[in-house]
Amino acid sequence: MHTSPIIEELHAVRRRYAERFGDDLHAICEDARRKQAEQGRPVVPLDPKRLTEQDLEQDHEAA
């Protein structure tokens, strides 16, 4: 499988970022929320999308 150097770099950046927080997803999300607040950007919470049986079937067919 061919991998792109750009994709490899993105994965490396993500790994380093996650390591800064001990791979703790809650800590990573808190950091993202803090950065958003500092930048003064509006945060728009979205309700989770509920999957239907049709969504699940389409995902299974695509795999």
PDB file of N, CA and C in Angstrom:
ATOM      1  N   MET A   1       0.835  -1.179   0.000  1.00  0.00           N
ATOM      2  CA  MET A   1       0.000   0.000   0.000  1.00  0.00           C
ATOM      3  C   MET A   1       0.881   1.244   0.000  1.00  0.00           C
ATOM      4  N   HIS A   2       0.601   2.157  -0.896  1.00  0.00           N
ATOM      5  CA  HIS A   2       1.358   3.397  -1.017  1.00  0.00           C
ATOM      6  C   HIS A   2       0.897   4.399   0.034  1.00  0.00           C
ATOM      7  N   THR A   3       1.859   5.005   0.723  1.00  0.00           N
ATOM      8  CA  THR A   3       1.512   6.045   1.689  1.00  0.00           C
ATOM      9  C   THR A   3       2.131   7.355   1.253  1.00  0.00           C
ATOM     10  N   SER A   4       1.415   8.404   1.486  1.00  0.00           N
ATOM     11  CA  SER A   4       1.855   9.742   1.115  1.00  0.00           C
ATOM     12  C   SER A   4       2.711  10.324   2.229  1.00  0.00           C
ATOM     13  N   PRO A   5       3.792  11.019   1.894  1.00  0.00           N
ATOM     14  CA  PRO A   5       4.594  11.681   2.925  1.00  0.00           C
ATOM     15  C   PRO A   5       3.765  12.708   3.708  1.00  0.00           C
ATOM     16  N   ILE A   6       2.808  13.324   3.065  1.00  0.00           N
ATOM     17  CA  ILE A   6       1.958  14.301   3.744  1.00  0.00           C
ATOM     18  C   ILE A   6       1.107  13.595   4.792  1.00  0.00           C
ATOM     19  N   ILE A   7       0.518  12.471   4.420  1.00  0.00           N
ATOM     20  CA  ILE A   7      -0.299  11.706   5.362  1.00  0.00           C
ATOM     21  C   ILE A   7       0.557  11.191   6.508  1.00  0.00           C
ATOM     22  N   GLU A   8       1.752  10.718   6.202  1.00  0.00           N
ATOM     23  CA  GLU A   8       2.654  10.242   7.247  1.00  0.00           C
ATOM     24  C   GLU A   8       2.983  11.367   8.227  1.00  0.00           C
ATOM     25  N   GLU A   9       3.211  12.573   7.726  1.00  0.00           N
ATOM     26  CA  GLU A   9       3.500  13.714   8.590  1.00  0.00           C
ATOM     27  C   GLU A   9       2.292  14.074   9.447  1.00  0.00           C
ATOM     28  N   LEU A  10       1.097  14.021   8.871  1.00  0.00           N
ATOM     29  CA  LEU A  10      -0.116  14.285   9.652  1.00  0.00           C
ATOM     30  C   LEU A  10      -0.259  13.286  10.798  1.00  0.00           C
ATOM     31  N   HIS A  11       0.011  12.020  10.522  1.00  0.00           N
ATOM     32  CA  HIS A  11      -0.065  10.998  11.565  1.00  0.00           C
ATOM     33  C   HIS A  11       0.981  11.256  12.648  1.00  0.00           C
ATOM     34  N   ALA A  12       2.178  11.672  12.242  1.00  0.00           N
ATOM     35  CA  ALA A  12       3.233  11.962  13.211  1.00  0.00           C
ATOM     36  C   ALA A  12       2.849  13.142  14.097  1.00  0.00           C
ATOM     37  N   VAL A  13       2.271  14.181  13.509  1.00  0.00           N
ATOM     38  CA  VAL A  13       1.829  15.344  14.282  1.00  0.00           C
ATOM     39  C   VAL A  13       0.737  14.932  15.261  1.00  0.00           C
ATOM     40  N   ARG A  14      -0.214  14.132  14.797  1.00  0.00           N
ATOM     41  CA  ARG A  14      -1.294  13.666  15.661  1.00  0.00           C
ATOM     42  C   ARG A  14      -0.746  12.849  16.821  1.00  0.00           C
ATOM     43  N   ARG A  15       0.224  11.962  16.528  1.00  0.00           N
ATOM     44  CA  ARG A  15       0.809  11.145  17.594  1.00  0.00           C
ATOM     45  C   ARG A  15       1.509  12.019  18.632  1.00  0.00           C
ATOM     46  N   ARG A  16       2.282  13.004  18.173  1.00  0.00           N
ATOM     47  CA  ARG A  16       2.981  13.891  19.114  1.00  0.00           C
ATOM     48  C   ARG A  16       1.981  14.676  19.960  1.00  0.00           C
ATOM     49  N   TYR A  17       0.920  15.164  19.340  1.00  0.00           N
ATOM     50  CA  TYR A  17      -0.102  15.927  20.055  1.00  0.00           C
ATOM     51  C   TYR A  17      -0.765  15.049  21.114  1.00  0.00           C
ATOM     52  N   ALA A  18      -1.137  13.835  20.737  1.00  0.00           N
ATOM     53  CA  ALA A  18      -1.782  12.918  21.675  1.00  0.00           C
ATOM     54  C   ALA A  18      -0.843  12.558  22.827  1.00  0.00           C
ATOM     55  N   GLU A  19       0.426  12.380  22.537  1.00  0.00           N
ATOM     56  CA  GLU A  19       1.400  12.038  23.574  1.00  0.00           C
ATOM     57  C   GLU A  19       1.523  13.149  24.614  1.00  0.00           C
ATOM     58  N   ARG A  20       1.353  14.407  24.192  1.00  0.00           N
ATOM     59  CA  ARG A  20       1.427  15.526  25.129  1.00  0.00           C
ATOM     60  C   ARG A  20       0.381  15.401  26.225  1.00  0.00           C
ATOM     61  N   PHE A  21      -0.701  14.708  25.944  1.00  0.00           N
ATOM     62  CA  PHE A  21      -1.798  14.562  26.891  1.00  0.00           C
ATOM     63  C   PHE A  21      -1.934  13.118  27.383  1.00  0.00           C
ATOM     64  N   GLY A  22      -0.877  12.345  27.225  1.00  0.00           N
ATOM     65  CA  GLY A  22      -0.910  10.961  27.681  1.00  0.00           C
ATOM     66  C   GLY A  22      -1.969  10.136  26.971  1.00  0.00           C
ATOM     67  N   ASP A  23      -2.262  10.490  25.718  1.00  0.00           N
ATOM     68  CA  ASP A  23      -3.282   9.807  24.915  1.00  0.00           C
ATOM     69  C   ASP A  23      -4.661   9.844  25.573  1.00  0.00           C
ATOM     70  N   ASP A  24      -4.896  10.852  26.419  1.00  0.00           N
ATOM     71  CA  ASP A  24      -6.175  11.012  27.121  1.00  0.00           C
ATOM     72  C   ASP A  24      -7.100  11.868  26.259  1.00  0.00           C
ATOM     73  N   LEU A  25      -8.124  11.237  25.687  1.00  0.00           N
ATOM     74  CA  LEU A  25      -9.034  11.928  24.785  1.00  0.00           C
ATOM     75  C   LEU A  25      -9.728  13.106  25.457  1.00  0.00           C
ATOM     76  N   HIS A  26     -10.102  12.946  26.716  1.00  0.00           N
ATOM     77  CA  HIS A  26     -10.766  14.038  27.436  1.00  0.00           C
ATOM     78  C   HIS A  26      -9.835  15.246  27.566  1.00  0.00           C
ATOM     79  N   ALA A  27      -8.567  14.998  27.848  1.00  0.00           N
ATOM     80  CA  ALA A  27      -7.598  16.087  27.966  1.00  0.00           C
ATOM     81  C   ALA A  27      -7.364  16.758  26.610  1.00  0.00           C
ATOM     82  N   ILE A  28      -7.337  15.975  25.549  1.00  0.00           N
ATOM     83  CA  ILE A  28      -7.151  16.518  24.205  1.00  0.00           C
ATOM     84  C   ILE A  28      -8.338  17.415  23.845  1.00  0.00           C
ATOM     85  N   CYS A  29      -9.542  16.950  24.132  1.00  0.00           N
ATOM     86  CA  CYS A  29     -10.747  17.739  23.825  1.00  0.00           C
ATOM     87  C   CYS A  29     -10.785  19.012  24.654  1.00  0.00           C
ATOM     88  N   GLU A  30     -10.391  18.926  25.914  1.00  0.00           N
ATOM     89  CA  GLU A  30     -10.353  20.116  26.762  1.00  0.00           C
ATOM     90  C   GLU A  30      -9.366  21.136  26.202  1.00  0.00           C
ATOM     91  N   ASP A  31      -8.231  20.679  25.716  1.00  0.00           N
ATOM     92  CA  ASP A  31      -7.249  21.581  25.102  1.00  0.00           C
ATOM     93  C   ASP A  31      -7.842  22.245  23.864  1.00  0.00           C
ATOM     94  N   ALA A  32      -8.564  21.487  23.062  1.00  0.00           N
ATOM     95  CA  ALA A  32      -9.192  22.056  21.861  1.00  0.00           C
ATOM     96  C   ALA A  32     -10.226  23.104  22.243  1.00  0.00           C
ATOM     97  N   ARG A  33     -11.029  22.821  23.275  1.00  0.00           N
ATOM     98  CA  ARG A  33     -12.022  23.803  23.724  1.00  0.00           C
ATOM     99  C   ARG A  33     -11.348  25.065  24.260  1.00  0.00           C
ATOM    100  N   ARG A  34     -10.248  24.892  24.996  1.00  0.00           N
ATOM    101  CA  ARG A  34      -9.524  26.033  25.536  1.00  0.00           C
ATOM    102  C   ARG A  34      -8.985  26.895  24.395  1.00  0.00           C
ATOM    103  N   LYS A  35      -8.405  26.264  23.384  1.00  0.00           N
ATOM    104  CA  LYS A  35      -7.862  27.007  22.239  1.00  0.00           C
ATOM    105  C   LYS A  35      -8.975  27.751  21.494  1.00  0.00           C
ATOM    106  N   GLN A  36     -10.114  27.118  21.330  1.00  0.00           N
ATOM    107  CA  GLN A  36     -11.230  27.778  20.660  1.00  0.00           C
ATOM    108  C   GLN A  36     -11.669  29.007  21.441  1.00  0.00           C
ATOM    109  N   ALA A  37     -11.748  28.883  22.752  1.00  0.00           N
ATOM    110  CA  ALA A  37     -12.174  30.010  23.584  1.00  0.00           C
ATOM    111  C   ALA A  37     -11.164  31.154  23.522  1.00  0.00           C
ATOM    112  N   GLU A  38      -9.889  30.813  23.538  1.00  0.00           N
ATOM    113  CA  GLU A  38      -8.839  31.838  23.474  1.00  0.00           C
ATOM    114  C   GLU A  38      -8.879  32.590  22.149  1.00  0.00           C
ATOM    115  N   GLN A  39      -9.230  31.899  21.086  1.00  0.00           N
ATOM    116  CA  GLN A  39      -9.248  32.517  19.759  1.00  0.00           C
ATOM    117  C   GLN A  39     -10.531  33.287  19.501  1.00  0.00           C
ATOM    118  N   GLY A  40     -11.491  33.181  20.407  1.00  0.00           N
ATOM    119  CA  GLY A  40     -12.732  33.915  20.257  1.00  0.00           C
ATOM    120  C   GLY A  40     -13.626  33.432  19.135  1.00  0.00           C
ATOM    121  N   ARG A  41     -13.405  32.228  18.703  1.00  0.00           N
ATOM    122  CA  ARG A  41     -14.246  31.675  17.637  1.00  0.00           C
ATOM    123  C   ARG A  41     -15.496  31.064  18.244  1.00  0.00           C
ATOM    124  N   PRO A  42     -16.631  31.235  17.584  1.00  0.00           N
ATOM    125  CA  PRO A  42     -17.843  30.621  18.125  1.00  0.00           C
ATOM    126  C   PRO A  42     -17.777  29.098  17.983  1.00  0.00           C
ATOM    127  N   VAL A  43     -18.231  28.431  19.007  1.00  0.00           N
ATOM    128  CA  VAL A  43     -18.274  26.977  18.987  1.00  0.00           C
ATOM    129  C   VAL A  43     -19.728  26.574  18.829  1.00  0.00           C
ATOM    130  N   VAL A  44     -20.006  25.823  17.795  1.00  0.00           N
ATOM    131  CA  VAL A  44     -21.371  25.404  17.514  1.00  0.00           C
ATOM    132  C   VAL A  44     -21.501  23.931  17.874  1.00  0.00           C
ATOM    133  N   PRO A  45     -22.185  23.630  18.983  1.00  0.00           N
ATOM    134  CA  PRO A  45     -22.355  22.220  19.340  1.00  0.00           C
ATOM    135  C   PRO A  45     -23.365  21.567  18.402  1.00  0.00           C
ATOM    136  N   LEU A  46     -23.040  20.400  17.955  1.00  0.00           N
ATOM    137  CA  LEU A  46     -23.933  19.653  17.083  1.00  0.00           C
ATOM    138  C   LEU A  46     -24.416  18.420  17.813  1.00  0.00           C
ATOM    139  N   ASP A  47     -25.687  18.131  17.678  1.00  0.00           N
ATOM    140  CA  ASP A  47     -26.225  16.917  18.253  1.00  0.00           C
ATOM    141  C   ASP A  47     -25.665  15.724  17.493  1.00  0.00           C
ATOM    142  N   PRO A  48     -25.425  14.613  18.182  1.00  0.00           N
ATOM    143  CA  PRO A  48     -24.910  13.438  17.472  1.00  0.00           C
ATOM    144  C   PRO A  48     -25.932  12.941  16.458  1.00  0.00           C
ATOM    145  N   LYS A  49     -25.426  12.495  15.332  1.00  0.00           N
ATOM    146  CA  LYS A  49     -26.298  11.955  14.294  1.00  0.00           C
ATOM    147  C   LYS A  49     -26.673  10.524  14.669  1.00  0.00           C
ATOM    148  N   ARG A  50     -27.936  10.246  14.660  1.00  0.00           N
ATOM    149  CA  ARG A  50     -28.419   8.895  14.946  1.00  0.00           C
ATOM    150  C   ARG A  50     -28.366   8.075  13.664  1.00  0.00           C
ATOM    151  N   LEU A  51     -27.724   6.938  13.739  1.00  0.00           N
ATOM    152  CA  LEU A  51     -27.623   6.070  12.575  1.00  0.00           C
ATOM    153  C   LEU A  51     -28.904   5.270  12.414  1.00  0.00           C
ATOM    154  N   THR A  52     -29.304   5.135  11.166  1.00  0.00           N
ATOM    155  CA  THR A  52     -30.468   4.319  10.842  1.00  0.00           C
ATOM    156  C   THR A  52     -29.978   2.963  10.335  1.00  0.00           C
ATOM    157  N   GLU A  53     -30.881   2.043  10.210  1.00  0.00           N
ATOM    158  CA  GLU A  53     -30.528   0.741   9.636  1.00  0.00           C
ATOM    159  C   GLU A  53     -29.959   0.924   8.230  1.00  0.00           C
ATOM    160  N   GLN A  54     -30.517   1.876   7.472  1.00  0.00           N
ATOM    161  CA  GLN A  54     -30.053   2.135   6.108  1.00  0.00           C
ATOM    162  C   GLN A  54     -28.605   2.627   6.125  1.00  0.00           C
ATOM    163  N   ASP A  55     -28.256   3.514   7.078  1.00  0.00           N
ATOM    164  CA  ASP A  55     -26.877   3.988   7.200  1.00  0.00           C
ATOM    165  C   ASP A  55     -25.933   2.815   7.441  1.00  0.00           C
ATOM    166  N   LEU A  56     -26.316   1.919   8.342  1.00  0.00           N
ATOM    167  CA  LEU A  56     -25.491   0.776   8.662  1.00  0.00           C
ATOM    168  C   LEU A  56     -25.317  -0.152   7.473  1.00  0.00           C
ATOM    169  N   GLU A  57     -26.380  -0.355   6.723  1.00  0.00           N
ATOM    170  CA  GLU A  57     -26.314  -1.214   5.547  1.00  0.00           C
ATOM    171  C   GLU A  57     -25.391  -0.590   4.487  1.00  0.00           C
ATOM    172  N   GLN A  58     -25.489   0.711   4.281  1.00  0.00           N
ATOM    173  CA  GLN A  58     -24.635   1.381   3.303  1.00  0.00           C
ATOM    174  C   GLN A  58     -23.170   1.295   3.714  1.00  0.00           C
ATOM    175  N   ASP A  59     -22.884   1.462   5.005  1.00  0.00           N
ATOM    176  CA  ASP A  59     -21.512   1.346   5.485  1.00  0.00           C
ATOM    177  C   ASP A  59     -20.988  -0.072   5.257  1.00  0.00           C
ATOM    178  N   HIS A  60     -21.838  -1.066   5.521  1.00  0.00           N
ATOM    179  CA  HIS A  60     -21.431  -2.453   5.341  1.00  0.00           C
ATOM    180  C   HIS A  60     -21.164  -2.746   3.861  1.00  0.00           C
ATOM    181  N   GLU A  61     -21.999  -2.227   2.973  1.00  0.00           N
ATOM    182  CA  GLU A  61     -21.839  -2.459   1.543  1.00  0.00           C
ATOM    183  C   GLU A  61     -20.574  -1.779   1.011  1.00  0.00           C
ATOM    184  N   ALA A  62     -20.232  -0.617   1.573  1.00  0.00           N
ATOM    185  CA  ALA A  62     -19.059   0.131   1.113  1.00  0.00           C
ATOM    186  C   ALA A  62     -17.765  -0.522   1.546  1.00  0.00           C
ATOM    187  N   ALA A  63     -17.808  -1.319   2.604  1.00  0.00           N
ATOM    188  CA  ALA A  63     -16.595  -1.953   3.143  1.00  0.00           C
ATOM    189  C   ALA A  63     -16.114  -3.104   2.337  1.00  0.00           C
TER     190      ALA A  63
END
